[in-house]
Amino acid sequence: MFIAAQVSIYPMGQAHLSSAINQALEIFKKHGLEVNSGAMSTVISGEDETLFTATKEAFQMVASQSGVVMVVTYSNACPV
């Protein structure tokens, strides 16, 4: 099933947030997802299992470096 997700990643306790966010974006791209980055969140889209795997991998990668809050909204009904 084709789905989309809006993802916001907030690395905690880091002076520079862009490194962790950029690493997450690379994970999404590595999985072949369509990636549309914005100032406050990123919208990714693709097959559901691929998308779930990529968001899990991104969370685990950022969480291994510091505390993190990651907000994900999944949808199979919102146009991309």
C-alpha atoms as a PDB file:
ATOM      1  CA  MET A   1       0.000   0.000   0.000  1.00  0.00           C
ATOM      2  CA  PHE A   2       1.287   3.472  -0.898  1.00  0.00           C
ATOM      3  CA  ILE A   3       1.302   5.837   2.107  1.00  0.00           C
ATOM      4  CA  ALA A   4       2.769   9.157   3.192  1.00  0.00           C
ATOM      5  CA  ALA A   5       4.121  10.352   6.515  1.00  0.00           C
ATOM      6  CA  GLN A   6       4.944  13.719   7.991  1.00  0.00           C
ATOM      7  CA  VAL A   7       8.063  13.391  10.150  1.00  0.00           C
ATOM      8  CA  SER A   8       9.539  15.864  12.639  1.00  0.00           C
ATOM      9  CA  ILE A   9      12.757  14.983  14.473  1.00  0.00           C
ATOM     10  CA  TYR A  10      13.939  16.906  17.516  1.00  0.00           C
ATOM     11  CA  PRO A  11      17.384  15.780  18.750  1.00  0.00           C
ATOM     12  CA  MET A  12      17.730  16.759  22.410  1.00  0.00           C
ATOM     13  CA  GLY A  13      20.833  18.138  24.080  1.00  0.00           C
ATOM     14  CA  GLN A  14      22.754  18.792  20.867  1.00  0.00           C
ATOM     15  CA  ALA A  15      24.265  22.129  19.933  1.00  0.00           C
ATOM     16  CA  HIS A  16      23.737  21.444  16.223  1.00  0.00           C
ATOM     17  CA  LEU A  17      20.519  19.726  15.133  1.00  0.00           C
ATOM     18  CA  SER A  18      21.176  19.557  11.402  1.00  0.00           C
ATOM     19  CA  SER A  19      23.591  16.613  11.533  1.00  0.00           C
ATOM     20  CA  ALA A  20      21.049  14.203  13.036  1.00  0.00           C
ATOM     21  CA  ILE A  21      18.270  15.480  10.790  1.00  0.00           C
ATOM     22  CA  ASN A  22      20.429  15.142   7.673  1.00  0.00           C
ATOM     23  CA  GLN A  23      21.334  11.581   8.647  1.00  0.00           C
ATOM     24  CA  ALA A  24      17.633  10.737   8.936  1.00  0.00           C
ATOM     25  CA  LEU A  25      16.980  12.268   5.509  1.00  0.00           C
ATOM     26  CA  GLU A  26      19.744  10.114   4.030  1.00  0.00           C
ATOM     27  CA  ILE A  27      18.133   7.008   5.526  1.00  0.00           C
ATOM     28  CA  PHE A  28      14.807   7.929   3.909  1.00  0.00           C
ATOM     29  CA  LYS A  29      16.524   8.451   0.546  1.00  0.00           C
ATOM     30  CA  LYS A  30      18.520   5.215   0.901  1.00  0.00           C
ATOM     31  CA  HIS A  31      15.230   3.342   1.165  1.00  0.00           C
ATOM     32  CA  GLY A  32      14.031   4.934  -2.070  1.00  0.00           C
ATOM     33  CA  LEU A  33      11.302   7.049  -0.487  1.00  0.00           C
ATOM     34  CA  GLU A  34      10.163  10.339  -1.976  1.00  0.00           C
ATOM     35  CA  VAL A  35      11.436  13.035   0.396  1.00  0.00           C
ATOM     36  CA  ASN A  36      10.096  16.606   0.595  1.00  0.00           C
ATOM     37  CA  SER A  37      11.853  18.591   3.322  1.00  0.00           C
ATOM     38  CA  GLY A  38      10.359  21.698   4.886  1.00  0.00           C
ATOM     39  CA  ALA A  39      11.399  24.104   7.598  1.00  0.00           C
ATOM     40  CA  MET A  40       9.522  22.285  10.367  1.00  0.00           C
ATOM     41  CA  SER A  41       8.978  18.746   9.040  1.00  0.00           C
ATOM     42  CA  THR A  42       9.557  16.368   6.167  1.00  0.00           C
ATOM     43  CA  VAL A  43       6.951  14.518   4.146  1.00  0.00           C
ATOM     44  CA  ILE A  44       8.022  11.093   2.915  1.00  0.00           C
ATOM     45  CA  SER A  45       6.043   8.701   0.748  1.00  0.00           C
ATOM     46  CA  GLY A  46       6.358   5.187  -0.567  1.00  0.00           C
ATOM     47  CA  GLU A  47       5.272   1.630   0.117  1.00  0.00           C
ATOM     48  CA  ASP A  48       4.089   1.121   3.692  1.00  0.00           C
ATOM     49  CA  GLU A  49       6.597  -1.524   4.814  1.00  0.00           C
ATOM     50  CA  THR A  50       9.506   0.460   3.372  1.00  0.00           C
ATOM     51  CA  LEU A  51       8.304   3.629   5.042  1.00  0.00           C
ATOM     52  CA  PHE A  52       7.816   1.926   8.434  1.00  0.00           C
ATOM     53  CA  THR A  53      11.285   0.369   8.207  1.00  0.00           C
ATOM     54  CA  ALA A  54      12.917   3.679   7.278  1.00  0.00           C
ATOM     55  CA  THR A  55      11.254   5.672  10.073  1.00  0.00           C
ATOM     56  CA  LYS A  56      12.275   3.018  12.604  1.00  0.00           C
ATOM     57  CA  GLU A  57      15.860   3.044  11.331  1.00  0.00           C
ATOM     58  CA  ALA A  58      15.980   6.863  11.432  1.00  0.00           C
ATOM     59  CA  PHE A  59      14.675   6.933  15.006  1.00  0.00           C
ATOM     60  CA  GLN A  60      17.175   4.296  16.150  1.00  0.00           C
ATOM     61  CA  MET A  61      20.063   6.148  14.491  1.00  0.00           C
ATOM     62  CA  VAL A  62      19.231   9.502  16.108  1.00  0.00           C
ATOM     63  CA  ALA A  63      18.417   7.859  19.472  1.00  0.00           C
ATOM     64  CA  SER A  64      21.839   6.172  19.500  1.00  0.00           C
ATOM     65  CA  GLN A  65      23.462   9.628  19.509  1.00  0.00           C
ATOM     66  CA  SER A  66      21.273  11.506  22.014  1.00  0.00           C
ATOM     67  CA  GLY A  67      17.780  11.827  23.364  1.00  0.00           C
ATOM     68  CA  VAL A  68      15.231  12.448  20.644  1.00  0.00           C
ATOM     69  CA  VAL A  69      11.586  13.282  20.101  1.00  0.00           C
ATOM     70  CA  MET A  70      10.242  12.062  16.761  1.00  0.00           C
ATOM     71  CA  VAL A  71       6.699  12.851  15.690  1.00  0.00           C
ATOM     72  CA  VAL A  72       5.289  10.827  12.778  1.00  0.00           C
ATOM     73  CA  THR A  73       1.848  11.092  11.220  1.00  0.00           C
ATOM     74  CA  TYR A  74       1.027   8.296   8.747  1.00  0.00           C
ATOM     75  CA  SER A  75      -1.727   8.541   6.145  1.00  0.00           C
ATOM     76  CA  ASN A  76      -3.088   6.501   3.262  1.00  0.00           C
ATOM     77  CA  ALA A  77      -5.630   9.200   2.400  1.00  0.00           C
ATOM     78  CA  CYS A  78      -3.758  12.506   2.172  1.00  0.00           C
ATOM     79  CA  PRO A  79      -2.590  13.551  -1.285  1.00  0.00           C
ATOM     80  CA  VAL A  80       1.138  13.943  -1.701  1.00  0.00           C
END
